[in-house]
């Protein structure tokens, strides 16, 4: 069904259910949903499996937080 919908949408990307699961996990993490709640919404019991689905989002949030800290320190509003 997902592939049929991608074809109807004329998407050039290789869309499949597994990719949508990663996207959902990423959106939950980027939206600051608590990990326990996000796991529940994704129906994932294992924290290790959840980490696999959300690793990129966590890395992106860490990078964004670091960049925000640097910007604040350069403007005089930060900790440094």
PDB file of N, CA and C in Angstrom:
ATOM      1  N   UNK A   1       0.814  -1.182   0.000  1.00  0.00           N
ATOM      2  CA  UNK A   1       0.000   0.000   0.000  1.00  0.00           C
ATOM      3  C   UNK A   1       0.868   1.261   0.000  1.00  0.00           C
ATOM      4  N   UNK A   2       1.946   1.251   0.799  1.00  0.00           N
ATOM      5  CA  UNK A   2       2.821   2.415   0.878  1.00  0.00           C
ATOM      6  C   UNK A   2       3.466   2.678  -0.479  1.00  0.00           C
ATOM      7  N   UNK A   3       3.920   1.631  -1.127  1.00  0.00           N
ATOM      8  CA  UNK A   3       4.545   1.802  -2.448  1.00  0.00           C
ATOM      9  C   UNK A   3       3.531   2.295  -3.476  1.00  0.00           C
ATOM     10  N   UNK A   4       2.290   1.844  -3.373  1.00  0.00           N
ATOM     11  CA  UNK A   4       1.235   2.315  -4.273  1.00  0.00           C
ATOM     12  C   UNK A   4       0.981   3.808  -4.065  1.00  0.00           C
ATOM     13  N   UNK A   5       0.947   4.235  -2.804  1.00  0.00           N
ATOM     14  CA  UNK A   5       0.747   5.655  -2.515  1.00  0.00           C
ATOM     15  C   UNK A   5       1.915   6.494  -3.017  1.00  0.00           C
ATOM     16  N   UNK A   6       3.128   5.973  -2.895  1.00  0.00           N
ATOM     17  CA  UNK A   6       4.301   6.682  -3.410  1.00  0.00           C
ATOM     18  C   UNK A   6       4.209   6.820  -4.921  1.00  0.00           C
ATOM     19  N   UNK A   7       3.736   5.781  -5.597  1.00  0.00           N
ATOM     20  CA  UNK A   7       3.580   5.839  -7.047  1.00  0.00           C
ATOM     21  C   UNK A   7       2.524   6.868  -7.443  1.00  0.00           C
ATOM     22  N   UNK A   8       1.420   6.910  -6.708  1.00  0.00           N
ATOM     23  CA  UNK A   8       0.366   7.891  -6.981  1.00  0.00           C
ATOM     24  C   UNK A   8       0.903   9.310  -6.789  1.00  0.00           C
ATOM     25  N   UNK A   9       1.737   9.493  -5.765  1.00  0.00           N
ATOM     26  CA  UNK A   9       2.321  10.801  -5.485  1.00  0.00           C
ATOM     27  C   UNK A   9       3.468  11.128  -6.438  1.00  0.00           C
ATOM     28  N   UNK A  10       3.805  10.174  -7.286  1.00  0.00           N
ATOM     29  CA  UNK A  10       4.904  10.319  -8.254  1.00  0.00           C
ATOM     30  C   UNK A  10       6.212  10.678  -7.562  1.00  0.00           C
ATOM     31  N   UNK A  11       6.463  10.022  -6.437  1.00  0.00           N
ATOM     32  CA  UNK A  11       7.692  10.249  -5.679  1.00  0.00           C
ATOM     33  C   UNK A  11       8.860   9.551  -6.351  1.00  0.00           C
ATOM     34  N   UNK A  12       9.966  10.271  -6.451  1.00  0.00           N
ATOM     35  CA  UNK A  12      11.173   9.706  -7.047  1.00  0.00           C
ATOM     36  C   UNK A  12      11.982   8.909  -6.021  1.00  0.00           C
ATOM     37  N   UNK A  13      11.649   9.078  -4.746  1.00  0.00           N
ATOM     38  CA  UNK A  13      12.385   8.377  -3.695  1.00  0.00           C
ATOM     39  C   UNK A  13      11.893   6.946  -3.550  1.00  0.00           C
ATOM     40  N   UNK A  14      12.764   6.108  -3.024  1.00  0.00           N
ATOM     41  CA  UNK A  14      12.423   4.719  -2.753  1.00  0.00           C
ATOM     42  C   UNK A  14      11.722   4.653  -1.396  1.00  0.00           C
ATOM     43  N   UNK A  15      10.423   4.812  -1.400  1.00  0.00           N
ATOM     44  CA  UNK A  15       9.650   4.857  -0.157  1.00  0.00           C
ATOM     45  C   UNK A  15       9.148   3.460   0.187  1.00  0.00           C
ATOM     46  N   UNK A  16       9.318   3.084   1.455  1.00  0.00           N
ATOM     47  CA  UNK A  16       8.830   1.804   1.947  1.00  0.00           C
ATOM     48  C   UNK A  16       8.466   1.963   3.421  1.00  0.00           C
ATOM     49  N   UNK A  17       7.674   1.050   3.961  1.00  0.00           N
ATOM     50  CA  UNK A  17       7.208   1.197   5.351  1.00  0.00           C
ATOM     51  C   UNK A  17       8.333   1.374   6.367  1.00  0.00           C
ATOM     52  N   UNK A  18       9.433   0.687   6.162  1.00  0.00           N
ATOM     53  CA  UNK A  18      10.534   0.772   7.113  1.00  0.00           C
ATOM     54  C   UNK A  18      11.094   2.194   7.164  1.00  0.00           C
ATOM     55  N   UNK A  19      11.204   2.841   6.018  1.00  0.00           N
ATOM     56  CA  UNK A  19      11.686   4.219   5.970  1.00  0.00           C
ATOM     57  C   UNK A  19      10.719   5.142   6.720  1.00  0.00           C
ATOM     58  N   UNK A  20       9.430   4.898   6.574  1.00  0.00           N
ATOM     59  CA  UNK A  20       8.448   5.718   7.273  1.00  0.00           C
ATOM     60  C   UNK A  20       8.599   5.571   8.787  1.00  0.00           C
ATOM     61  N   UNK A  21       8.969   4.392   9.231  1.00  0.00           N
ATOM     62  CA  UNK A  21       9.169   4.155  10.662  1.00  0.00           C
ATOM     63  C   UNK A  21      10.336   5.000  11.179  1.00  0.00           C
ATOM     64  N   UNK A  22      11.419   5.055  10.404  1.00  0.00           N
ATOM     65  CA  UNK A  22      12.555   5.898  10.772  1.00  0.00           C
ATOM     66  C   UNK A  22      12.136   7.371  10.805  1.00  0.00           C
ATOM     67  N   UNK A  23      11.376   7.788   9.816  1.00  0.00           N
ATOM     68  CA  UNK A  23      10.917   9.180   9.745  1.00  0.00           C
ATOM     69  C   UNK A  23      10.047   9.520  10.954  1.00  0.00           C
ATOM     70  N   UNK A  24       9.153   8.622  11.310  1.00  0.00           N
ATOM     71  CA  UNK A  24       8.281   8.848  12.467  1.00  0.00           C
ATOM     72  C   UNK A  24       9.114   8.993  13.739  1.00  0.00           C
ATOM     73  N   UNK A  25      10.077   8.105  13.930  1.00  0.00           N
ATOM     74  CA  UNK A  25      10.950   8.181  15.105  1.00  0.00           C
ATOM     75  C   UNK A  25      11.739   9.480  15.135  1.00  0.00           C
ATOM     76  N   UNK A  26      12.235   9.890  13.982  1.00  0.00           N
ATOM     77  CA  UNK A  26      12.980  11.145  13.883  1.00  0.00           C
ATOM     78  C   UNK A  26      12.099  12.323  14.262  1.00  0.00           C
ATOM     79  N   UNK A  27      10.883  12.358  13.759  1.00  0.00           N
ATOM     80  CA  UNK A  27       9.976  13.461  14.066  1.00  0.00           C
ATOM     81  C   UNK A  27       9.627  13.505  15.553  1.00  0.00           C
ATOM     82  N   UNK A  28       9.466  12.349  16.159  1.00  0.00           N
ATOM     83  CA  UNK A  28       9.174  12.319  17.594  1.00  0.00           C
ATOM     84  C   UNK A  28      10.333  12.891  18.397  1.00  0.00           C
ATOM     85  N   UNK A  29      11.552  12.469  18.065  1.00  0.00           N
ATOM     86  CA  UNK A  29      12.733  12.958  18.792  1.00  0.00           C
ATOM     87  C   UNK A  29      12.926  14.447  18.555  1.00  0.00           C
ATOM     88  N   UNK A  30      12.812  14.887  17.306  1.00  0.00           N
ATOM     89  CA  UNK A  30      13.001  16.301  16.995  1.00  0.00           C
ATOM     90  C   UNK A  30      11.902  17.153  17.629  1.00  0.00           C
ATOM     91  N   UNK A  31      10.736  16.559  17.887  1.00  0.00           N
ATOM     92  CA  UNK A  31       9.636  17.258  18.545  1.00  0.00           C
ATOM     93  C   UNK A  31       9.706  17.198  20.060  1.00  0.00           C
ATOM     94  N   UNK A  32      10.825  16.715  20.586  1.00  0.00           N
ATOM     95  CA  UNK A  32      11.059  16.641  22.036  1.00  0.00           C
ATOM     96  C   UNK A  32      10.089  15.733  22.785  1.00  0.00           C
ATOM     97  N   UNK A  33       9.581  14.704  22.111  1.00  0.00           N
ATOM     98  CA  UNK A  33       8.756  13.703  22.790  1.00  0.00           C
ATOM     99  C   UNK A  33       9.690  12.850  23.638  1.00  0.00           C
ATOM    100  N   UNK A  34       9.316  12.612  24.883  1.00  0.00           N
ATOM    101  CA  UNK A  34      10.151  11.804  25.774  1.00  0.00           C
ATOM    102  C   UNK A  34      10.370  10.419  25.163  1.00  0.00           C
ATOM    103  N   UNK A  35      11.595   9.888  25.274  1.00  0.00           N
ATOM    104  CA  UNK A  35      11.899   8.593  24.656  1.00  0.00           C
ATOM    105  C   UNK A  35      10.936   7.468  25.030  1.00  0.00           C
ATOM    106  N   UNK A  36      10.516   7.404  26.296  1.00  0.00           N
ATOM    107  CA  UNK A  36       9.579   6.338  26.685  1.00  0.00           C
ATOM    108  C   UNK A  36       8.251   6.458  25.942  1.00  0.00           C
ATOM    109  N   UNK A  37       7.781   7.680  25.780  1.00  0.00           N
ATOM    110  CA  UNK A  37       6.528   7.894  25.053  1.00  0.00           C
ATOM    111  C   UNK A  37       6.708   7.594  23.565  1.00  0.00           C
ATOM    112  N   UNK A  38       7.833   8.025  23.023  1.00  0.00           N
ATOM    113  CA  UNK A  38       8.099   7.784  21.603  1.00  0.00           C
ATOM    114  C   UNK A  38       8.172   6.284  21.324  1.00  0.00           C
ATOM    115  N   UNK A  39       8.850   5.552  22.208  1.00  0.00           N
ATOM    116  CA  UNK A  39       8.924   4.093  22.034  1.00  0.00           C
ATOM    117  C   UNK A  39       7.539   3.476  22.061  1.00  0.00           C
ATOM    118  N   UNK A  40       6.717   3.964  22.959  1.00  0.00           N
ATOM    119  CA  UNK A  40       5.345   3.448  23.068  1.00  0.00           C
ATOM    120  C   UNK A  40       4.568   3.735  21.775  1.00  0.00           C
ATOM    121  N   UNK A  41       4.688   4.957  21.276  1.00  0.00           N
ATOM    122  CA  UNK A  41       3.996   5.319  20.042  1.00  0.00           C
ATOM    123  C   UNK A  41       4.475   4.495  18.852  1.00  0.00           C
ATOM    124  N   UNK A  42       5.762   4.152  18.858  1.00  0.00           N
ATOM    125  CA  UNK A  42       6.331   3.366  17.759  1.00  0.00           C
ATOM    126  C   UNK A  42       6.156   1.862  17.971  1.00  0.00           C
ATOM    127  N   UNK A  43       5.625   1.502  19.153  1.00  0.00           N
ATOM    128  CA  UNK A  43       5.452   0.093  19.532  1.00  0.00           C
ATOM    129  C   UNK A  43       6.787  -0.660  19.536  1.00  0.00           C
ATOM    130  N   UNK A  44       7.786   0.000  20.125  1.00  0.00           N
ATOM    131  CA  UNK A  44       9.116  -0.590  20.264  1.00  0.00           C
ATOM    132  C   UNK A  44       9.370  -0.795  21.751  1.00  0.00           C
ATOM    133  N   UNK A  45       9.681  -1.997  22.143  1.00  0.00           N
ATOM    134  CA  UNK A  45       9.941  -2.290  23.555  1.00  0.00           C
ATOM    135  C   UNK A  45      11.400  -2.079  23.931  1.00  0.00           C
ATOM    136  N   UNK A  46      12.287  -2.365  23.033  1.00  0.00           N
ATOM    137  CA  UNK A  46      13.715  -2.323  23.334  1.00  0.00           C
ATOM    138  C   UNK A  46      14.309  -0.921  23.121  1.00  0.00           C
ATOM    139  N   UNK A  47      14.987  -0.385  24.162  1.00  0.00           N
ATOM    140  CA  UNK A  47      15.673   0.897  23.983  1.00  0.00           C
ATOM    141  C   UNK A  47      16.760   0.825  22.903  1.00  0.00           C
ATOM    142  N   UNK A  48      17.364  -0.332  22.757  1.00  0.00           N
ATOM    143  CA  UNK A  48      18.418  -0.501  21.747  1.00  0.00           C
ATOM    144  C   UNK A  48      17.832  -0.370  20.345  1.00  0.00           C
ATOM    145  N   UNK A  49      16.684  -0.990  20.126  1.00  0.00           N
ATOM    146  CA  UNK A  49      16.024  -0.879  18.827  1.00  0.00           C
ATOM    147  C   UNK A  49      15.583   0.554  18.589  1.00  0.00           C
ATOM    148  N   UNK A  50      15.047   1.203  19.614  1.00  0.00           N
ATOM    149  CA  UNK A  50      14.629   2.597  19.485  1.00  0.00           C
ATOM    150  C   UNK A  50      15.815   3.475  19.113  1.00  0.00           C
ATOM    151  N   UNK A  51      16.962   3.242  19.739  1.00  0.00           N
ATOM    152  CA  UNK A  51      18.169   4.013  19.421  1.00  0.00           C
ATOM    153  C   UNK A  51      18.553   3.861  17.951  1.00  0.00           C
ATOM    154  N   UNK A  52      18.371   2.670  17.421  1.00  0.00           N
ATOM    155  CA  UNK A  52      18.698   2.415  16.024  1.00  0.00           C
ATOM    156  C   UNK A  52      17.813   3.261  15.097  1.00  0.00           C
ATOM    157  N   UNK A  53      16.558   3.402  15.458  1.00  0.00           N
ATOM    158  CA  UNK A  53      15.624   4.171  14.634  1.00  0.00           C
ATOM    159  C   UNK A  53      15.800   5.679  14.774  1.00  0.00           C
ATOM    160  N   UNK A  54      16.365   6.127  15.873  1.00  0.00           N
ATOM    161  CA  UNK A  54      16.400   7.567  16.148  1.00  0.00           C
ATOM    162  C   UNK A  54      17.813   8.140  16.259  1.00  0.00           C
ATOM    163  N   UNK A  55      18.821   7.363  15.966  1.00  0.00           N
ATOM    164  CA  UNK A  55      20.217   7.798  16.124  1.00  0.00           C
ATOM    165  C   UNK A  55      20.501   9.111  15.397  1.00  0.00           C
ATOM    166  N   UNK A  56      20.098   9.220  14.148  1.00  0.00           N
ATOM    167  CA  UNK A  56      20.381  10.443  13.380  1.00  0.00           C
ATOM    168  C   UNK A  56      19.712  11.663  13.990  1.00  0.00           C
ATOM    169  N   UNK A  57      18.501  11.503  14.475  1.00  0.00           N
ATOM    170  CA  UNK A  57      17.792  12.634  15.080  1.00  0.00           C
ATOM    171  C   UNK A  57      18.498  13.091  16.353  1.00  0.00           C
ATOM    172  N   UNK A  58      18.961  12.148  17.164  1.00  0.00           N
ATOM    173  CA  UNK A  58      19.669  12.497  18.395  1.00  0.00           C
ATOM    174  C   UNK A  58      20.976  13.216  18.053  1.00  0.00           C
ATOM    175  N   UNK A  59      21.685  12.728  17.038  1.00  0.00           N
ATOM    176  CA  UNK A  59      22.925  13.383  16.611  1.00  0.00           C
ATOM    177  C   UNK A  59      22.641  14.800  16.111  1.00  0.00           C
ATOM    178  N   UNK A  60      21.576  14.988  15.373  1.00  0.00           N
ATOM    179  CA  UNK A  60      21.204  16.304  14.852  1.00  0.00           C
ATOM    180  C   UNK A  60      20.853  17.245  15.996  1.00  0.00           C
ATOM    181  N   UNK A  61      20.101  16.759  16.982  1.00  0.00           N
ATOM    182  CA  UNK A  61      19.742  17.601  18.125  1.00  0.00           C
ATOM    183  C   UNK A  61      20.988  18.001  18.919  1.00  0.00           C
ATOM    184  N   UNK A  62      21.926  17.080  19.080  1.00  0.00           N
ATOM    185  CA  UNK A  62      23.167  17.386  19.792  1.00  0.00           C
ATOM    186  C   UNK A  62      23.970  18.440  19.028  1.00  0.00           C
ATOM    187  N   UNK A  63      24.045  18.283  17.719  1.00  0.00           N
ATOM    188  CA  UNK A  63      24.763  19.252  16.888  1.00  0.00           C
ATOM    189  C   UNK A  63      24.094  20.632  16.970  1.00  0.00           C
ATOM    190  N   UNK A  64      22.777  20.657  16.889  1.00  0.00           N
ATOM    191  CA  UNK A  64      22.045  21.928  16.984  1.00  0.00           C
ATOM    192  C   UNK A  64      22.272  22.588  18.339  1.00  0.00           C
ATOM    193  N   UNK A  65      22.245  21.802  19.415  1.00  0.00           N
ATOM    194  CA  UNK A  65      22.456  22.341  20.758  1.00  0.00           C
ATOM    195  C   UNK A  65      23.869  22.919  20.883  1.00  0.00           C
ATOM    196  N   UNK A  66      24.841  22.230  20.327  1.00  0.00           N
ATOM    197  CA  UNK A  66      26.222  22.714  20.358  1.00  0.00           C
ATOM    198  C   UNK A  66      26.348  24.025  19.589  1.00  0.00           C
ATOM    199  N   UNK A  67      25.752  24.068  18.394  1.00  0.00           N
ATOM    200  CA  UNK A  67      25.824  25.283  17.580  1.00  0.00           C
ATOM    201  C   UNK A  67      25.133  26.457  18.270  1.00  0.00           C
ATOM    202  N   UNK A  68      24.004  26.193  18.934  1.00  0.00           N
ATOM    203  CA  UNK A  68      23.314  27.244  19.687  1.00  0.00           C
ATOM    204  C   UNK A  68      24.196  27.769  20.817  1.00  0.00           C
ATOM    205  N   UNK A  69      24.881  26.871  21.495  1.00  0.00           N
ATOM    206  CA  UNK A  69      25.766  27.255  22.583  1.00  0.00           C
ATOM    207  C   UNK A  69      26.905  28.139  22.065  1.00  0.00           C
ATOM    208  N   UNK A  70      27.485  27.756  20.939  1.00  0.00           N
ATOM    209  CA  UNK A  70      28.571  28.540  20.340  1.00  0.00           C
ATOM    210  C   UNK A  70      28.064  29.928  19.940  1.00  0.00           C
ATOM    211  N   UNK A  71      26.893  29.975  19.313  1.00  0.00           N
ATOM    212  CA  UNK A  71      26.330  31.271  18.918  1.00  0.00           C
ATOM    213  C   UNK A  71      26.089  32.170  20.129  1.00  0.00           C
ATOM    214  N   UNK A  72      25.551  31.590  21.198  1.00  0.00           N
ATOM    215  CA  UNK A  72      25.295  32.376  22.405  1.00  0.00           C
ATOM    216  C   UNK A  72      26.605  32.888  23.019  1.00  0.00           C
ATOM    217  N   UNK A  73      27.623  32.032  22.995  1.00  0.00           N
ATOM    218  CA  UNK A  73      28.908  32.454  23.590  1.00  0.00           C
ATOM    219  C   UNK A  73      29.560  33.548  22.762  1.00  0.00           C
ATOM    220  N   UNK A  74      29.389  33.487  21.455  1.00  0.00           N
ATOM    221  CA  UNK A  74      29.970  34.516  20.588  1.00  0.00           C
ATOM    222  C   UNK A  74      29.235  35.853  20.723  1.00  0.00           C
ATOM    223  N   UNK A  75      27.956  35.792  21.081  1.00  0.00           N
ATOM    224  CA  UNK A  75      27.177  37.019  21.234  1.00  0.00           C
ATOM    225  C   UNK A  75      27.231  37.553  22.673  1.00  0.00           C
ATOM    226  N   UNK A  76      27.879  36.812  23.562  1.00  0.00           N
ATOM    227  CA  UNK A  76      27.984  37.235  24.953  1.00  0.00           C
ATOM    228  C   UNK A  76      26.871  36.741  25.835  1.00  0.00           C
ATOM    229  N   UNK A  77      25.954  35.946  25.290  1.00  0.00           N
ATOM    230  CA  UNK A  77      24.836  35.440  26.068  1.00  0.00           C
ATOM    231  C   UNK A  77      25.075  34.023  26.600  1.00  0.00           C
ATOM    232  N   UNK A  78      26.173  33.392  26.235  1.00  0.00           N
ATOM    233  CA  UNK A  78      26.397  31.986  26.557  1.00  0.00           C
ATOM    234  C   UNK A  78      27.131  31.791  27.849  1.00  0.00           C
ATOM    235  N   UNK A  79      27.597  30.562  28.034  1.00  0.00           N
ATOM    236  CA  UNK A  79      28.295  30.180  29.253  1.00  0.00           C
ATOM    237  C   UNK A  79      29.774  30.507  29.228  1.00  0.00           C
ATOM    238  N   UNK A  80      30.308  30.750  28.034  1.00  0.00           N
ATOM    239  CA  UNK A  80      31.756  30.953  27.909  1.00  0.00           C
ATOM    240  C   UNK A  80      32.132  32.406  27.984  1.00  0.00           C
TER     241      UNK A  80
END
